[in-house]
């Protein structure tokens, strides 16, 4: 399972994945979105389909006004098999659940459930 943590940035917030610094989690938590984006993009070059990286990059995009890019990444996570992710609270969530919550931030869109 992969570890993620909820970062409350605004209302229901983007949900960045938590792991080693290469996921950009610490930079996101510190509000350093340019650094987080650089770290995540470097990690994505090595592992382009890791949902925790795509979810973190979507969180960065949301916080930097790039909603269309965030939506694209959430949809890409939903196109992959679901991955179980451990929350620091001890809860286990699906990468699909996180992506679906992210997509729900866009009220003028309708999305099929999976």
C-alpha atoms as a PDB file:
ATOM      1  CA  UNK A   1       0.000   0.000   0.000  1.00  0.00           C
ATOM      2  CA  UNK A   2       1.085   3.558  -0.551  1.00  0.00           C
ATOM      3  CA  UNK A   3       0.988   6.269   2.062  1.00  0.00           C
ATOM      4  CA  UNK A   4      -0.955   9.471   1.501  1.00  0.00           C
ATOM      5  CA  UNK A   5      -1.915  12.360   3.700  1.00  0.00           C
ATOM      6  CA  UNK A   6      -4.651  14.931   3.434  1.00  0.00           C
ATOM      7  CA  UNK A   7      -3.358  18.467   3.180  1.00  0.00           C
ATOM      8  CA  UNK A   8      -6.113  20.924   4.019  1.00  0.00           C
ATOM      9  CA  UNK A   9      -5.663  23.710   1.494  1.00  0.00           C
ATOM     10  CA  UNK A  10      -8.983  25.409   1.299  1.00  0.00           C
ATOM     11  CA  UNK A  11     -12.246  23.574   1.697  1.00  0.00           C
ATOM     12  CA  UNK A  12     -11.969  19.860   1.001  1.00  0.00           C
ATOM     13  CA  UNK A  13      -8.453  20.356  -0.260  1.00  0.00           C
ATOM     14  CA  UNK A  14      -6.294  18.609  -2.682  1.00  0.00           C
ATOM     15  CA  UNK A  15      -4.953  15.348  -1.346  1.00  0.00           C
ATOM     16  CA  UNK A  16      -1.226  15.003  -1.791  1.00  0.00           C
ATOM     17  CA  UNK A  17       0.368  11.617  -1.424  1.00  0.00           C
ATOM     18  CA  UNK A  18       2.816  11.244   1.405  1.00  0.00           C
ATOM     19  CA  UNK A  19       6.057   9.357   1.001  1.00  0.00           C
ATOM     20  CA  UNK A  20       9.663  10.257   0.407  1.00  0.00           C
ATOM     21  CA  UNK A  21      10.476  13.830  -0.575  1.00  0.00           C
ATOM     22  CA  UNK A  22      10.418  12.861  -4.248  1.00  0.00           C
ATOM     23  CA  UNK A  23       6.625  12.968  -4.071  1.00  0.00           C
ATOM     24  CA  UNK A  24       6.710  16.689  -3.323  1.00  0.00           C
ATOM     25  CA  UNK A  25       4.611  16.243  -0.187  1.00  0.00           C
ATOM     26  CA  UNK A  26       6.807  18.334   2.095  1.00  0.00           C
ATOM     27  CA  UNK A  27       7.056  21.142  -0.450  1.00  0.00           C
ATOM     28  CA  UNK A  28       3.268  21.110  -0.912  1.00  0.00           C
ATOM     29  CA  UNK A  29       2.743  21.184   2.855  1.00  0.00           C
ATOM     30  CA  UNK A  30       5.130  24.155   3.058  1.00  0.00           C
ATOM     31  CA  UNK A  31       3.288  25.941   0.243  1.00  0.00           C
ATOM     32  CA  UNK A  32       6.336  25.789  -2.022  1.00  0.00           C
ATOM     33  CA  UNK A  33       4.464  24.757  -5.153  1.00  0.00           C
ATOM     34  CA  UNK A  34       7.268  25.466  -7.660  1.00  0.00           C
ATOM     35  CA  UNK A  35       9.622  23.149  -5.757  1.00  0.00           C
ATOM     36  CA  UNK A  36       6.915  20.515  -5.380  1.00  0.00           C
ATOM     37  CA  UNK A  37       6.216  20.633  -9.114  1.00  0.00           C
ATOM     38  CA  UNK A  38       9.908  20.184  -9.943  1.00  0.00           C
ATOM     39  CA  UNK A  39      10.229  17.222  -7.554  1.00  0.00           C
ATOM     40  CA  UNK A  40       7.073  15.531  -8.784  1.00  0.00           C
ATOM     41  CA  UNK A  41       7.913  16.003 -12.461  1.00  0.00           C
ATOM     42  CA  UNK A  42      11.371  14.499 -11.873  1.00  0.00           C
ATOM     43  CA  UNK A  43       9.788  11.470 -10.185  1.00  0.00           C
ATOM     44  CA  UNK A  44       7.166  11.168 -12.933  1.00  0.00           C
ATOM     45  CA  UNK A  45       9.901  10.915 -15.573  1.00  0.00           C
ATOM     46  CA  UNK A  46      11.050   7.704 -13.859  1.00  0.00           C
ATOM     47  CA  UNK A  47       7.560   6.398 -12.996  1.00  0.00           C
ATOM     48  CA  UNK A  48       4.916   8.152 -15.113  1.00  0.00           C
ATOM     49  CA  UNK A  49       1.940   6.087 -13.914  1.00  0.00           C
ATOM     50  CA  UNK A  50       2.311   6.363 -10.137  1.00  0.00           C
ATOM     51  CA  UNK A  51      -1.039   7.615  -8.848  1.00  0.00           C
ATOM     52  CA  UNK A  52       0.387   9.292  -5.750  1.00  0.00           C
ATOM     53  CA  UNK A  53       2.620  11.443  -7.949  1.00  0.00           C
ATOM     54  CA  UNK A  54      -0.230  12.305 -10.303  1.00  0.00           C
ATOM     55  CA  UNK A  55      -2.469  13.189  -7.336  1.00  0.00           C
ATOM     56  CA  UNK A  56       0.208  15.426  -5.860  1.00  0.00           C
ATOM     57  CA  UNK A  57       0.787  17.177  -9.159  1.00  0.00           C
ATOM     58  CA  UNK A  58      -2.983  17.685  -9.429  1.00  0.00           C
ATOM     59  CA  UNK A  59      -2.874  19.289  -5.957  1.00  0.00           C
ATOM     60  CA  UNK A  60      -0.107  21.622  -7.126  1.00  0.00           C
ATOM     61  CA  UNK A  61      -2.057  22.496 -10.260  1.00  0.00           C
ATOM     62  CA  UNK A  62      -5.163  23.306  -8.221  1.00  0.00           C
ATOM     63  CA  UNK A  63      -3.213  25.586  -5.938  1.00  0.00           C
ATOM     64  CA  UNK A  64      -1.582  27.371  -8.869  1.00  0.00           C
ATOM     65  CA  UNK A  65      -4.740  27.980 -10.900  1.00  0.00           C
ATOM     66  CA  UNK A  66      -4.368  25.216 -13.474  1.00  0.00           C
ATOM     67  CA  UNK A  67      -7.726  23.503 -13.037  1.00  0.00           C
ATOM     68  CA  UNK A  68      -7.843  21.888 -16.469  1.00  0.00           C
ATOM     69  CA  UNK A  69      -4.475  20.222 -15.860  1.00  0.00           C
ATOM     70  CA  UNK A  70      -5.622  19.031 -12.422  1.00  0.00           C
ATOM     71  CA  UNK A  71      -8.807  17.539 -13.938  1.00  0.00           C
ATOM     72  CA  UNK A  72      -6.722  15.747 -16.561  1.00  0.00           C
ATOM     73  CA  UNK A  73      -4.545  14.148 -13.879  1.00  0.00           C
ATOM     74  CA  UNK A  74      -7.495  13.098 -11.725  1.00  0.00           C
ATOM     75  CA  UNK A  75      -9.056  11.470 -14.793  1.00  0.00           C
ATOM     76  CA  UNK A  76      -5.763   9.729 -15.593  1.00  0.00           C
ATOM     77  CA  UNK A  77      -5.695   8.223 -12.086  1.00  0.00           C
ATOM     78  CA  UNK A  78      -9.226   6.906 -12.651  1.00  0.00           C
ATOM     79  CA  UNK A  79      -8.093   5.305 -15.924  1.00  0.00           C
ATOM     80  CA  UNK A  80      -5.586   3.149 -14.034  1.00  0.00           C
ATOM     81  CA  UNK A  81      -6.250   0.263 -11.663  1.00  0.00           C
ATOM     82  CA  UNK A  82      -7.072   1.477  -8.161  1.00  0.00           C
ATOM     83  CA  UNK A  83      -4.230   1.480  -5.638  1.00  0.00           C
ATOM     84  CA  UNK A  84      -4.856   1.196  -1.891  1.00  0.00           C
ATOM     85  CA  UNK A  85      -3.251   4.052   0.011  1.00  0.00           C
ATOM     86  CA  UNK A  86      -2.735   4.321   3.774  1.00  0.00           C
ATOM     87  CA  UNK A  87      -3.690   7.600   5.392  1.00  0.00           C
ATOM     88  CA  UNK A  88      -1.704   8.827   8.399  1.00  0.00           C
ATOM     89  CA  UNK A  89      -4.941   8.468  10.405  1.00  0.00           C
ATOM     90  CA  UNK A  90      -4.801   4.740   9.743  1.00  0.00           C
ATOM     91  CA  UNK A  91      -7.607   4.790   7.183  1.00  0.00           C
ATOM     92  CA  UNK A  92      -7.042   3.096   3.845  1.00  0.00           C
ATOM     93  CA  UNK A  93      -8.373   4.841   0.740  1.00  0.00           C
ATOM     94  CA  UNK A  94      -8.340   4.018  -2.911  1.00  0.00           C
ATOM     95  CA  UNK A  95      -6.479   6.178  -5.394  1.00  0.00           C
ATOM     96  CA  UNK A  96      -9.817   6.282  -7.234  1.00  0.00           C
ATOM     97  CA  UNK A  97     -11.546   7.707  -4.170  1.00  0.00           C
ATOM     98  CA  UNK A  98      -8.934  10.448  -3.888  1.00  0.00           C
ATOM     99  CA  UNK A  99      -9.202  11.273  -7.604  1.00  0.00           C
ATOM    100  CA  UNK A 100     -13.000  11.281  -7.456  1.00  0.00           C
ATOM    101  CA  UNK A 101     -12.925  13.693  -4.501  1.00  0.00           C
ATOM    102  CA  UNK A 102     -10.563  15.874  -6.492  1.00  0.00           C
ATOM    103  CA  UNK A 103     -12.904  15.902  -9.472  1.00  0.00           C
ATOM    104  CA  UNK A 104     -15.807  16.858  -7.223  1.00  0.00           C
ATOM    105  CA  UNK A 105     -14.065  20.201  -6.694  1.00  0.00           C
ATOM    106  CA  UNK A 106     -15.286  21.119 -10.172  1.00  0.00           C
ATOM    107  CA  UNK A 107     -19.039  21.641  -9.714  1.00  0.00           C
ATOM    108  CA  UNK A 108     -19.936  22.166 -13.378  1.00  0.00           C
ATOM    109  CA  UNK A 109     -18.738  18.750 -14.401  1.00  0.00           C
ATOM    110  CA  UNK A 110     -20.473  15.401 -14.175  1.00  0.00           C
ATOM    111  CA  UNK A 111     -18.412  12.264 -13.821  1.00  0.00           C
ATOM    112  CA  UNK A 112     -19.309   8.633 -14.092  1.00  0.00           C
ATOM    113  CA  UNK A 113     -18.647   6.592 -10.978  1.00  0.00           C
ATOM    114  CA  UNK A 114     -16.315   3.663 -11.285  1.00  0.00           C
END
